[in-house]
Protein backbone atom coordinates (compact mmCIF):
# COMPACT_ATOMS: atom_id res chain seq x y z
CA UNK A 1 15.78 26.32 17.34
CA UNK A 2 14.03 26.43 21.20
CA UNK A 3 12.21 23.12 22.04
CA UNK A 4 10.19 25.20 23.67
CA UNK A 5 8.30 26.91 20.30
CA UNK A 6 8.37 23.99 19.10
CA UNK A 7 4.72 22.74 17.41
CA UNK A 8 3.14 19.22 18.78
CA UNK A 9 0.45 17.30 18.06
CA UNK A 10 -0.56 13.30 19.40
CA UNK A 11 0.70 11.58 16.53
CA UNK A 12 2.79 12.51 13.05
CA UNK A 13 2.16 10.94 10.24
CA UNK A 14 4.68 11.11 7.38
CA UNK A 15 3.71 10.39 4.14
CA UNK A 16 0.47 11.86 2.11
CA UNK A 17 -0.33 8.89 0.27
CA UNK A 18 -3.21 5.91 0.85
CA UNK A 19 -1.42 4.13 3.62
CA UNK A 20 -1.20 7.81 5.57
CA UNK A 21 -4.79 9.23 4.49
CA UNK A 22 -5.94 6.27 6.02
CA UNK A 23 -3.86 6.40 9.60
CA UNK A 24 -4.96 10.07 9.26
CA UNK A 25 -8.91 9.50 9.24
CA UNK A 26 -8.85 6.40 11.45
CA UNK A 27 -7.14 8.93 14.34
CA UNK A 28 -9.35 11.84 13.92
CA UNK A 29 -11.74 9.77 14.00
CA UNK A 30 -11.44 8.62 17.34
CA UNK A 31 -10.80 12.10 18.59
CA UNK A 32 -7.06 12.19 17.93
CA UNK A 33 -5.03 14.82 17.08
CA UNK A 34 -2.12 14.91 14.20
CA UNK A 35 -0.25 15.94 11.43
CA UNK A 36 0.06 14.29 7.92
CA UNK A 37 2.98 15.81 6.45
CA UNK A 38 4.52 14.99 2.88
CA UNK A 39 7.67 15.65 0.98
CA UNK A 40 5.67 16.16 -2.32
CA UNK A 41 4.75 19.86 -3.46
CA UNK A 42 1.68 19.17 -4.81
CA UNK A 43 -0.48 15.97 -5.35
CA UNK A 44 0.06 13.69 -7.71
CA UNK A 45 -2.33 12.55 -10.52
CA UNK A 46 -1.10 9.36 -12.16
CA UNK A 47 -2.55 5.86 -11.29
CA UNK A 48 -0.02 4.11 -9.34
CA UNK A 49 -2.10 1.02 -7.73
CA UNK A 50 -4.95 1.40 -8.79
CA UNK A 51 -6.87 -2.12 -7.79
CA UNK A 52 -8.53 -1.65 -4.46
CA UNK A 53 -9.29 -5.26 -2.64
CA UNK A 54 -12.78 -6.56 -1.03
CA UNK A 55 -10.82 -6.55 2.60
CA UNK A 56 -9.79 -2.60 1.66
CA UNK A 57 -13.23 -1.90 -0.05
CA UNK A 58 -14.44 -3.13 4.05
CA UNK A 59 -12.33 -0.60 6.03
CA UNK A 60 -12.94 2.01 3.22
CA UNK A 61 -17.26 1.80 4.39
CA UNK A 62 -15.68 1.78 7.86
CA UNK A 63 -14.45 5.12 7.33
CA UNK A 64 -17.21 6.53 4.75
CA UNK A 65 -16.04 6.91 1.62
CA UNK A 66 -17.20 3.67 -0.04
CA UNK A 67 -20.15 5.55 -2.16
CA UNK A 68 -17.42 7.57 -4.41
CA UNK A 69 -15.13 4.48 -4.23
CA UNK A 70 -18.08 1.71 -5.75
CA UNK A 71 -19.51 4.69 -7.64
CA UNK A 72 -16.75 6.32 -10.03
CA UNK A 73 -14.52 2.69 -9.89
CA UNK A 74 -14.64 0.02 -12.22
CA UNK A 75 -15.38 -3.40 -11.36
CA UNK A 76 -18.05 -4.64 -13.25
CA UNK A 77 -18.54 -6.68 -16.72
CA UNK A 78 -14.25 -5.74 -16.82
CA UNK A 79 -12.80 -7.06 -20.43
CA UNK A 80 -9.52 -8.67 -20.34
CA UNK A 81 -8.10 -9.75 -23.75
CA UNK A 82 -5.25 -11.56 -23.50
CA UNK A 83 -2.44 -12.02 -26.69
CA UNK A 84 0.52 -14.77 -26.33
CA UNK A 85 2.74 -13.83 -29.63
CA UNK A 86 0.92 -11.76 -31.60
CA UNK A 87 -2.24 -14.41 -31.23
CA UNK A 88 -5.23 -13.41 -29.27
CA UNK A 89 -5.04 -16.31 -26.89
CA UNK A 90 -8.17 -15.68 -24.29
CA UNK A 91 -10.87 -12.94 -24.42
CA UNK A 92 -11.48 -12.78 -20.84
CA UNK A 93 -15.27 -11.25 -19.53
CA UNK A 94 -15.31 -10.87 -15.51
CA UNK A 95 -18.49 -9.83 -14.87
CA UNK A 96 -18.25 -9.49 -10.93
CA UNK A 97 -20.70 -10.97 -8.61
CA UNK A 98 -23.52 -9.46 -6.46
CA UNK A 99 -23.42 -8.54 -2.52
CA UNK A 100 -22.82 -12.13 -0.95
CA UNK A 101 -24.64 -11.89 2.75
CA UNK A 102 -20.76 -12.86 4.32
CA UNK A 103 -18.83 -10.73 1.92
CA UNK A 104 -20.39 -7.02 1.08
CA UNK A 105 -18.19 -6.10 -1.64
CA UNK A 106 -16.89 -9.45 -3.64
CA UNK A 107 -15.27 -7.33 -6.69
CA UNK A 108 -11.77 -5.88 -6.88
CA UNK A 109 -12.89 -2.49 -7.96
CA UNK A 110 -10.64 -0.18 -9.94
CA UNK A 111 -9.63 3.41 -9.33
CA UNK A 112 -6.53 5.81 -10.58
CA UNK A 113 -4.58 5.62 -7.00
CA UNK A 114 -4.87 9.57 -7.36
CA UNK A 115 -8.52 9.62 -7.32
CA UNK A 116 -8.27 6.90 -3.97
CA UNK A 117 -6.27 9.41 -2.01
CA UNK A 118 -8.68 12.45 -3.31
CA UNK A 119 -11.26 10.75 -1.71
CA UNK A 120 -9.87 10.08 1.47
CA UNK A 121 -8.43 13.31 1.74
CA UNK A 122 -11.99 14.93 1.37
CA UNK A 123 -12.79 12.26 4.63
CA UNK A 124 -9.95 13.69 6.85
CA UNK A 125 -10.93 17.31 5.80
CA UNK A 126 -13.89 16.41 6.86
CA UNK A 127 -12.61 15.26 10.28
CA UNK A 128 -11.14 18.27 10.48
CA UNK A 129 -7.57 17.49 9.35
CA UNK A 130 -5.38 17.65 6.25
CA UNK A 131 -2.57 16.72 4.24
CA UNK A 132 0.80 19.10 4.42
CA UNK A 133 2.87 19.70 1.15
CA UNK A 134 6.45 20.80 0.79
CA UNK A 135 6.92 19.03 4.44
CA UNK A 136 10.44 17.69 4.20
CA UNK A 137 11.94 15.76 7.07
CA UNK A 138 15.93 16.05 7.90
CA UNK A 139 15.88 14.69 11.19
CA UNK A 140 14.20 12.76 14.20
CA UNK A 141 15.47 12.34 17.49
CA UNK A 142 13.53 10.65 20.45
CA UNK A 143 12.73 10.28 24.35
CA UNK A 144 10.86 7.88 26.88
CA UNK A 145 7.70 10.20 26.48
CA UNK A 146 8.07 11.95 22.80
CA UNK A 147 9.25 12.22 19.40
CA UNK A 148 10.61 15.91 17.73
CA UNK A 149 10.69 16.25 14.19
CA UNK A 150 12.81 19.00 12.46
CA UNK A 151 10.77 19.50 9.02
CA UNK A 152 12.00 21.63 5.96
CA UNK A 153 9.35 23.71 4.25
CA UNK A 154 10.58 23.23 0.64
CA UNK A 155 9.45 26.46 -0.63
CA UNK A 156 11.08 29.01 2.24
CA UNK A 157 13.29 26.69 2.80
CA UNK A 158 12.44 27.70 6.94
CA UNK A 159 12.55 24.86 9.43
CA UNK A 160 11.12 24.20 12.75
CA UNK A 161 9.83 21.44 15.26
CA UNK A 162 6.95 18.75 15.87
CA UNK A 163 7.02 17.10 18.88
CA UNK A 164 4.73 14.17 18.75
CA UNK A 165 3.73 11.37 21.43
CA UNK A 166 4.39 9.16 18.00
CA UNK A 167 5.49 9.19 15.01
CA UNK A 168 4.48 6.74 12.63
CA UNK A 169 6.62 6.47 8.67
CA UNK A 170 3.88 6.04 5.86
CA UNK A 171 6.05 7.16 3.40
CA UNK A 172 7.20 5.28 0.55
CA UNK A 173 9.70 2.26 -0.83
CA UNK A 174 12.39 5.66 -0.14
CA UNK A 175 11.43 6.27 3.47
CA UNK A 176 13.42 8.75 5.41
CA UNK A 177 11.39 7.80 8.66
CA UNK A 178 13.04 4.46 7.37
CA UNK A 179 16.47 6.07 7.38
CA UNK A 180 16.74 8.23 10.60
CA UNK A 181 15.77 5.28 13.11
CA UNK A 182 18.19 3.18 10.86
CA UNK A 183 16.19 -0.07 9.82
CA UNK A 184 16.90 -2.47 7.48
CA UNK A 185 14.59 -3.07 4.13
CA UNK A 186 16.35 -6.27 4.37
CA UNK A 187 15.64 -9.14 0.44
CA UNK A 188 15.89 -8.73 -3.22
CA UNK A 189 15.15 -7.32 -6.31
CA UNK A 190 14.30 -8.54 -9.24
CA UNK A 191 15.98 -8.80 -12.87
CA UNK A 192 13.28 -7.82 -14.84
CA UNK A 193 12.62 -3.74 -14.83
CA UNK A 194 9.55 -2.27 -15.70
CA UNK A 195 7.98 0.72 -17.06
CA UNK A 196 4.91 2.94 -16.30
CA UNK A 197 2.57 5.40 -17.91
CA UNK A 198 -0.45 7.45 -17.82
CA UNK A 199 -1.60 8.07 -21.73
CA UNK A 200 -4.12 8.67 -24.03
CA UNK A 201 -4.62 5.99 -26.36
CA UNK A 202 -6.85 6.01 -29.33
CA UNK A 203 -7.06 2.13 -31.34
CA UNK A 204 -7.91 -0.24 -28.20
CA UNK A 205 -11.17 -0.84 -27.48
CA UNK A 206 -11.82 1.05 -24.61
CA UNK A 207 -13.93 -1.01 -23.30
CA UNK A 208 -11.15 -3.70 -22.46
CA UNK A 209 -8.28 -4.03 -21.14
CA UNK A 210 -5.12 -5.70 -23.54
CA UNK A 211 -2.23 -7.70 -22.80
CA UNK A 212 1.13 -8.64 -24.85
CA UNK A 213 2.97 -11.57 -23.87
CA UNK A 214 5.81 -12.75 -26.42
CA UNK A 215 8.67 -14.92 -23.51
CA UNK A 216 9.91 -12.05 -21.90
CA UNK A 217 8.14 -9.05 -24.04
CA UNK A 218 5.23 -7.91 -22.22
CA UNK A 219 3.58 -5.00 -22.48
CA UNK A 220 -0.51 -3.78 -21.68
CA UNK A 221 -2.63 -1.27 -21.33
CA UNK A 222 -5.50 -0.47 -19.12
CA UNK A 223 -8.51 1.43 -19.40
CA UNK A 224 -10.15 3.38 -16.45
CA UNK A 225 -14.03 4.32 -17.97
CA UNK A 226 -15.00 7.59 -17.67
CA UNK A 227 -11.32 8.73 -18.10
CA UNK A 228 -9.83 9.20 -21.74
CA UNK A 229 -6.07 8.11 -19.57
CA UNK A 230 -5.27 4.67 -20.07
CA UNK A 231 -2.45 3.05 -18.03
CA UNK A 232 0.23 1.53 -19.57
CA UNK A 233 3.14 -0.78 -18.15
CA UNK A 234 6.11 -2.91 -19.66
CA UNK A 235 9.29 -4.61 -19.54
CA UNK A 236 12.65 -3.35 -21.01
CA UNK A 237 15.57 -5.00 -21.09
CA UNK A 238 19.35 -3.63 -20.54
CA UNK A 239 21.34 -3.27 -23.85
CA UNK A 240 25.00 -4.67 -24.72
CA UNK A 241 26.33 -1.88 -22.36
CA UNK A 242 24.00 -2.88 -19.32
CA UNK A 243 22.02 0.59 -19.74
CA UNK A 244 17.97 0.09 -19.79
CA UNK A 245 16.08 3.26 -21.49
CA UNK A 246 13.58 5.48 -19.40
CA UNK A 247 9.66 5.54 -19.53
CA UNK A 248 8.95 7.82 -22.69
CA UNK A 249 5.70 8.14 -24.27
CA UNK A 250 8.50 7.56 -27.66
CA UNK A 251 9.40 3.83 -26.12
CA UNK A 252 5.84 2.50 -25.33
CA UNK A 253 5.11 4.20 -28.52
CA UNK A 254 7.49 1.45 -30.26
CA UNK A 255 6.63 -1.11 -27.03
CA UNK A 256 3.23 -1.58 -28.51
CA UNK A 257 4.58 -1.30 -32.16
CA UNK A 258 6.94 -4.08 -31.73
CA UNK A 259 5.20 -6.03 -29.43
CA UNK A 260 1.55 -5.68 -30.22
CA UNK A 261 2.19 -5.54 -33.77
CA UNK A 262 0.30 -3.18 -34.09
CA UNK A 263 0.96 0.41 -35.83
CA UNK A 264 -3.02 1.77 -35.32
CA UNK A 265 -2.20 2.46 -32.26
CA UNK A 266 -1.22 5.88 -31.50
CA UNK A 267 -0.47 7.19 -27.59
CA UNK A 268 0.16 10.61 -26.52
CA UNK A 269 -0.23 13.25 -23.82
CA UNK A 270 1.17 11.59 -21.34
CA UNK A 271 1.23 12.44 -16.97
CA UNK A 272 2.61 10.21 -15.82
CA UNK A 273 5.40 8.65 -16.56
CA UNK A 274 8.28 6.06 -14.09
CA UNK A 275 10.35 3.68 -14.03
CA UNK A 276 10.55 0.67 -11.54
CA UNK A 277 12.77 -2.49 -10.60
CA UNK A 278 10.87 -5.11 -8.79
CA UNK A 279 12.24 -5.77 -5.00
CA UNK A 280 10.64 -8.01 -2.61
CA UNK A 281 12.23 -6.26 0.41
CA UNK A 282 10.54 -6.50 4.45
CA UNK A 283 11.86 -3.99 7.01
CA UNK A 284 13.03 -5.82 10.22
CA UNK A 285 10.79 -4.65 12.48
CA UNK A 286 7.91 -1.64 12.27
CA UNK A 287 8.74 0.03 15.69
CA UNK A 288 11.50 1.62 17.73
CA UNK A 289 10.57 3.14 20.87
CA UNK A 290 7.76 5.57 19.39
CA UNK A 291 8.32 5.56 15.43
CA UNK A 292 6.05 2.58 13.15
CA UNK A 293 6.42 2.34 10.17
CA UNK A 294 3.28 1.41 7.71
CA UNK A 295 2.50 0.61 4.10
CA UNK A 296 5.90 0.65 1.05
CA UNK A 297 8.14 2.14 4.32
CA UNK A 298 7.85 -1.44 5.61
CA UNK A 299 7.13 -3.87 2.72
CA UNK A 300 7.92 -3.02 -1.16
CA UNK A 301 7.40 -6.32 -3.87
CA UNK A 302 6.18 -7.20 -6.82
CA UNK A 303 3.18 -5.32 -8.47
CA UNK A 304 2.19 -8.53 -9.28
CA UNK A 305 -1.31 -9.25 -7.70
CA UNK A 306 -2.47 -6.09 -6.85
CA UNK A 307 -1.45 -5.71 -3.25
CA UNK A 308 1.17 -3.16 -2.25
CA UNK A 309 -1.83 0.00 -1.70
CA UNK A 310 -4.13 -2.65 0.03
CA UNK A 311 -1.69 -4.08 2.69
CA UNK A 312 -0.66 -0.39 3.54
CA UNK A 313 -3.87 0.90 4.24
CA UNK A 314 -4.22 -2.35 5.75
CA UNK A 315 -1.32 -1.47 8.28
CA UNK A 316 -2.56 1.63 9.04
CA UNK A 317 -6.13 0.30 9.58
CA UNK A 318 -4.35 -2.09 12.34
CA UNK A 319 -2.51 0.40 13.86
CA UNK A 320 -4.99 3.57 14.49
CA UNK A 321 -7.73 1.65 16.87
CA UNK A 322 -4.86 0.94 19.07
CA UNK A 323 -2.74 4.18 19.13
CA UNK A 324 -5.91 5.67 20.06
CA UNK A 325 -6.04 3.21 23.24
CA UNK A 326 -3.17 4.14 23.93
CA UNK A 327 -3.51 8.00 23.83
CA UNK A 328 -6.52 7.91 25.76
CA UNK A 329 -4.56 6.48 28.16
CA UNK A 330 -7.21 3.57 28.25
CA UNK A 331 -4.46 0.59 27.51
CA UNK A 332 -0.93 -0.16 27.84
CA UNK A 333 2.00 0.80 25.53
CA UNK A 334 2.51 -2.38 25.03
CA UNK A 335 -0.77 -2.51 22.84
CA UNK A 336 1.75 -1.14 20.33
CA UNK A 337 3.54 -4.11 19.99
CA UNK A 338 0.92 -6.39 18.47
CA UNK A 339 0.66 -4.33 15.71
CA UNK A 340 4.27 -5.74 14.39
CA UNK A 341 3.41 -8.77 16.09
CA UNK A 342 -0.40 -8.95 13.89
CA UNK A 343 1.25 -6.90 10.34
CA UNK A 344 4.66 -8.37 9.71
CA UNK A 345 3.49 -12.11 8.97
CA UNK A 346 0.71 -10.52 6.67
CA UNK A 347 2.87 -8.55 4.52
CA UNK A 348 5.77 -11.88 4.61
CA UNK A 349 2.64 -14.16 2.88
CA UNK A 350 2.44 -10.76 0.60
CA UNK A 351 5.91 -11.04 -0.80
CA UNK A 352 5.92 -14.30 -0.76
CA UNK A 353 2.98 -14.77 -2.80
CA UNK A 354 3.29 -11.56 -4.23
CA UNK A 355 7.24 -13.00 -5.63
CA UNK A 356 5.65 -16.22 -7.07
CA UNK A 357 2.87 -14.27 -8.76
CA UNK A 358 5.63 -12.59 -10.79
CA UNK A 359 7.76 -15.47 -11.92
CA UNK A 360 5.15 -17.31 -13.16
CA UNK A 361 3.93 -13.70 -15.11
CA UNK A 362 7.81 -12.29 -15.92
CA UNK A 363 10.15 -15.00 -15.69
CA UNK A 364 11.85 -15.70 -19.14
CA UNK A 365 13.01 -19.02 -18.18
CA UNK A 366 12.18 -21.03 -20.96
CA UNK A 367 10.60 -23.79 -18.84
CA UNK A 368 8.62 -21.04 -17.46
CA UNK A 369 7.85 -19.73 -20.60
CA UNK A 370 6.07 -22.90 -22.33
CA UNK A 371 4.42 -23.66 -18.90
CA UNK A 372 2.49 -20.04 -18.62
CA UNK A 373 1.51 -19.77 -22.42
CA UNK A 374 0.78 -23.52 -22.91
CA UNK A 375 -0.99 -24.10 -19.19
CA UNK A 376 -1.61 -21.22 -16.91
CA UNK A 377 -2.48 -19.03 -19.83
CA UNK A 378 -5.09 -21.31 -21.82
CA UNK A 379 -6.35 -22.29 -18.01
CA UNK A 380 -7.73 -18.17 -17.86
CA UNK A 381 -10.18 -18.59 -19.91
CA UNK A 382 -11.85 -21.36 -17.80
CA UNK A 383 -14.96 -18.94 -15.05
CA UNK A 384 -13.29 -21.23 -12.30
CA UNK A 385 -10.11 -20.07 -12.75
CA UNK A 386 -10.66 -16.63 -13.07
CA UNK A 387 -12.48 -16.21 -9.88
CA UNK A 388 -10.07 -18.76 -7.88
CA UNK A 389 -6.56 -16.04 -8.77
CA UNK A 390 -9.29 -13.24 -8.44
CA UNK A 391 -9.37 -15.37 -4.68
CA UNK A 392 -6.24 -15.12 -3.95
CA UNK A 393 -5.34 -11.82 -3.75
CA UNK A 394 -9.20 -10.30 -2.05
CA UNK A 395 -7.39 -10.95 1.41
CA UNK A 396 -10.20 -11.72 3.06
CA UNK A 397 -8.61 -14.61 4.57
CA UNK A 398 -5.85 -12.19 6.64
CA UNK A 399 -5.84 -13.80 9.98
CA UNK A 400 -3.90 -13.03 13.15
CA UNK A 401 -4.53 -16.40 15.44
CA UNK A 402 -1.47 -16.92 16.75
CA UNK A 403 -1.32 -13.30 17.83
CA UNK A 404 -1.79 -12.79 21.19
CA UNK A 405 -4.97 -10.29 20.87
CA UNK A 406 -6.92 -13.68 19.50
CA UNK A 407 -8.55 -15.25 22.24
CA UNK A 408 -10.78 -18.73 22.17
CA UNK A 409 -12.13 -20.23 24.76
CA UNK A 410 -13.11 -23.71 24.86
CA UNK A 411 -16.39 -24.96 26.20
CA UNK A 412 -14.01 -26.20 29.76
CA UNK A 413 -12.37 -22.81 30.09
CA UNK A 414 -12.76 -20.94 32.76
CA UNK A 415 -12.24 -16.73 33.06
CA UNK A 416 -8.65 -16.89 34.10
CA UNK A 417 -7.68 -18.98 31.12
CA UNK A 418 -8.99 -15.84 28.76
CA UNK A 419 -6.38 -14.21 28.19
CA UNK A 420 -4.42 -12.87 25.44
CA UNK A 421 -2.14 -15.83 23.81
CA UNK A 422 -4.47 -18.53 25.02
CA UNK A 423 -5.25 -19.84 21.17
CA UNK A 424 -6.56 -22.90 20.59
CA UNK A 425 -9.10 -23.96 16.91
CA UNK A 426 -11.69 -26.26 18.22
CA UNK A 427 -15.45 -26.63 16.77
CA UNK A 428 -16.19 -25.04 13.65
CA UNK A 429 -17.54 -20.99 12.86
CA UNK A 430 -14.95 -17.78 12.37
CA UNK A 431 -12.02 -18.16 15.29
CA UNK A 432 -10.20 -15.17 17.06
CA UNK A 433 -7.77 -13.60 15.00
CA UNK A 434 -10.19 -14.32 12.03
CA UNK A 435 -12.04 -11.20 10.26
CA UNK A 436 -15.51 -11.68 11.33
CA UNK A 437 -18.26 -12.33 8.31
CA UNK A 438 -20.71 -9.85 7.76
CA UNK A 439 -24.28 -11.77 7.72
CA UNK A 440 -28.28 -10.73 6.51
CA UNK A 441 -30.19 -10.02 9.53
CA UNK A 442 -33.34 -8.17 10.70
CA UNK A 443 -34.85 -5.88 13.64
CA UNK A 444 -38.11 -6.02 15.05
CA UNK A 445 -39.19 -2.83 14.51
CA UNK A 446 -38.12 -3.28 10.16
CA UNK A 447 -39.29 -5.67 7.74
CA UNK A 448 -36.22 -5.24 5.96
CA UNK A 449 -32.97 -6.74 6.02
CA UNK A 450 -29.28 -4.96 8.14
CA UNK A 451 -26.07 -6.00 7.57
CA UNK A 452 -24.20 -6.59 10.50
CA UNK A 453 -21.66 -4.40 9.27
CA UNK A 454 -23.28 -1.79 9.70
CA UNK A 455 -24.10 -2.64 13.26
CA UNK A 456 -19.61 -2.81 13.65
CA UNK A 457 -19.01 0.52 12.04
CA UNK A 458 -17.06 2.91 14.53
CA UNK A 459 -14.56 3.16 16.13
CA UNK A 460 -16.59 0.02 18.70
CA UNK A 461 -15.64 -2.56 19.56
CA UNK A 462 -18.13 -4.98 19.61
CA UNK A 463 -20.01 -7.77 21.69
CA UNK A 464 -21.94 -10.32 20.00
CA UNK A 465 -24.33 -12.40 22.22
CA UNK A 466 -26.00 -15.21 20.45
CA UNK A 467 -28.76 -17.66 22.21
CA UNK A 468 -30.00 -20.59 19.05
CA UNK A 469 -32.97 -21.49 21.17
CA UNK A 470 -35.82 -19.68 21.14
CA UNK A 471 -35.46 -17.93 24.42
CA UNK A 472 -36.95 -18.17 27.37
CA UNK A 473 -37.64 -14.99 29.52
CA UNK A 474 -34.47 -15.75 31.78
CA UNK A 475 -32.25 -16.75 28.60
CA UNK A 476 -33.37 -13.35 26.87
CA UNK A 477 -33.04 -11.50 31.04
CA UNK A 478 -29.51 -13.19 31.28
CA UNK A 479 -27.93 -11.73 27.73
CA UNK A 480 -29.88 -8.37 29.00
CA UNK A 481 -28.33 -8.37 32.98
CA UNK A 482 -24.52 -9.10 30.34
CA UNK A 483 -25.41 -5.70 28.14
CA UNK A 484 -26.00 -3.79 30.84
CA UNK A 485 -22.84 -4.73 32.60
CA UNK A 486 -21.26 -4.69 30.25
CA UNK A 487 -22.37 -0.70 29.29
CA UNK A 488 -21.96 0.52 32.67
CA UNK A 489 -18.59 -1.20 32.87
CA UNK A 490 -17.02 0.42 29.04
CA UNK A 491 -19.78 2.73 28.44
CA UNK A 492 -19.72 3.87 24.34
CA UNK A 493 -16.22 1.76 23.68
CA UNK A 494 -18.57 -1.58 23.18
CA UNK A 495 -21.58 -1.67 21.74
CA UNK A 496 -23.66 -4.86 22.80
CA UNK A 497 -26.02 -6.32 20.05
CA UNK A 498 -28.31 -9.65 21.22
CA UNK A 499 -28.96 -12.32 18.02
CA UNK A 500 -32.16 -13.77 18.41
CA UNK A 501 -34.14 -15.83 16.05
CA UNK A 502 -37.28 -14.30 16.78
CA UNK A 503 -38.54 -11.98 18.49
CA UNK A 504 -41.29 -14.01 20.78
CA UNK A 505 -40.90 -13.88 24.85
CA UNK A 506 -39.87 -10.69 26.06
CA UNK A 507 -40.60 -8.23 23.17
CA UNK A 508 -37.18 -7.75 22.07
CA UNK A 509 -39.10 -4.80 19.79
CA UNK A 510 -39.18 -2.80 23.95
CA UNK A 511 -35.51 -3.56 24.67
CA UNK A 512 -33.01 -0.81 25.60
CA UNK A 513 -30.18 -3.05 23.58
CA UNK A 514 -30.32 -3.71 19.74
CA UNK A 515 -31.49 -7.09 18.74
CA UNK A 516 -30.60 -8.92 15.55
CA UNK A 517 -33.76 -11.24 14.62
CA UNK A 518 -32.37 -14.73 13.17
CA UNK A 519 -34.87 -16.32 12.58
CA UNK A 520 -33.27 -18.84 10.25
CA UNK A 521 -30.34 -19.44 12.85
CA UNK A 522 -28.39 -19.19 9.12
CA UNK A 523 -26.51 -16.66 11.16
CA UNK A 524 -25.75 -19.03 14.16
CA UNK A 525 -24.56 -21.74 11.32
CA UNK A 526 -22.61 -19.13 9.79
CA UNK A 527 -20.90 -17.94 13.49
CA UNK A 528 -20.88 -22.04 14.20
CA UNK A 529 -22.88 -21.30 17.29
CA UNK A 530 -24.25 -24.66 18.86
CA UNK A 531 -26.41 -23.30 21.98
CA UNK A 532 -25.12 -19.79 23.48
CA UNK A 533 -21.42 -17.74 22.15
CA UNK A 534 -19.98 -14.60 23.14
CA UNK A 535 -18.13 -13.21 20.14
CA UNK A 536 -16.00 -10.10 20.53
CA UNK A 537 -15.40 -7.97 17.66
CA UNK A 538 -12.68 -5.82 17.70
CA UNK A 539 -12.91 -1.72 15.92
CA UNK A 540 -11.18 -3.17 12.84
CA UNK A 541 -13.86 -5.97 12.09
CA UNK A 542 -11.77 -9.09 13.32
CA UNK A 543 -12.30 -11.74 15.70
CA UNK A 544 -10.58 -11.74 19.25
CA UNK A 545 -12.67 -13.00 21.77
CA UNK A 546 -14.48 -16.39 21.13
CA UNK A 547 -16.46 -17.86 24.08
CA UNK A 548 -19.06 -20.64 23.70
CA UNK A 549 -20.78 -19.78 26.34
CA UNK A 550 -21.79 -16.62 27.96
CA UNK A 551 -19.13 -16.69 30.23
CA UNK A 552 -18.79 -12.91 31.57
CA UNK A 553 -16.53 -12.93 33.47
CA UNK A 554 -13.58 -14.20 30.33
CA UNK A 555 -15.37 -11.28 28.41
CA UNK A 556 -14.57 -8.89 31.23
CA UNK A 557 -10.94 -10.50 31.64
CA UNK A 558 -10.40 -10.20 27.88
CA UNK A 559 -11.41 -6.31 27.86
CA UNK A 560 -9.62 -5.06 31.18
CA UNK A 561 -6.27 -4.17 29.96
CA UNK A 562 -7.53 -2.78 26.89
CA UNK A 563 -10.38 -0.48 27.95
CA UNK A 564 -10.14 -0.12 31.88
CA UNK A 565 -6.99 2.33 32.81
CA UNK A 566 -4.50 0.46 34.84
CA UNK A 567 -3.72 1.31 37.60
CA UNK A 568 0.35 1.38 38.16
CA UNK A 569 2.01 -1.43 39.78
CA UNK A 570 3.15 -0.46 43.26
CA UNK A 571 7.37 -0.60 43.18
């Protein structure tokens, strides 16, 4: 086929699961053209990754889809009944917490993956995009300016080429993109083999999830409120010939009878059955030229802890705004190297944690079995232990501290020192590289509180100018002058907010910049502000720059390489 006849787009996203759909939404809302393709001929209806962690909920809120996720998910009054050796060991009740000032969505939400994808597809469609099915990636080549992908339509057999500035493989553990790039997925497989399924169940309380352990023999069932389907899962073991029985309704029925000791539990109407061998594997690199890997295409691990889908969504959230800045021409291509710099260590930590969780839960070693059943399982009765386990997986503490986009300026620093990579941890409060905490604030024209996150949402950077004093007219006018200059330099790419203790002095309501009131100084204390400070929040909600005084040149020194087109270097 003649390359001149090839279709074109700025970004080709291969894979229309949660990772690919998130990336598509991120790019489309920033005005970047993209195509999202998938090998499947129809959208799946399986539950798969069903747990959405608090940090991912913040991402979904920024994408504009949090309402249907919370409305249709299960996050409060979750009950889990743990049985060991056929006896009920713990009847756990996880009531869920109300929103906190710093964490708007503190609870894990259980929602079938098919529904999460459906919600993201609807958002993508609202942004002018779509998920194109039955599209098989056959080959890809690239040069210094673009990637050319050869795509075959699985129904018609016809082939075409799509040329794009960048390509992102979000196509799962068996990624065709990864294989075409020649990138190895390095790691080990666990000995345990799992079977999963979506079935209807009678004979079990639909208001609770149920788990049975007996040494290394495990079976579980989790309901989805408002739906007839349950997700069931179990470990299976090879027979004397080393063969493992594949997932089937009959297998699950037998395992529930043998391991739960319940002949009254009846399974029927399977809509999804799957076999899974748990692995801990990570790619050697996330980027090859103009092609990137994200989600399960880059890292696969145990389902213990419910981190897989969440890590993939956050990969896409990290990469999307960086691709947009580079494609607009305001940032150099080197910005894209920070994707791997920031996200690969996160995947390493997630793999390590999920592997430890896998060993704790599923190991058949006699010592581990005793520890699990006599020590760890009884501890699950304690509310503090339950909350600690949930907090360990919420991904709110993911940080990019030692990465080049994290700049923590000391009080003695001058503007030339405030460059990416100059990271130092000093003082209290969140630092560069941390997730920016949410906070409750007031506005001059309303008696109702507003959330800081409401002002962070959107594709822009956010500058917070803090002062803890009452704010003399000169102090406030200085902050306004800074905000005016940032507006002139960066326009809508940067939203500047003044965080003041009250509306006295110059009438805050009359200022032409957003004013957020912090009368109790709670927000200043949370952000570790002693007197004055500048916080620059990246589009993905992480702190890029922290300055404990109003140093405008340090902020400009940081933002200029990201938001102002650099002239070519004389050669």
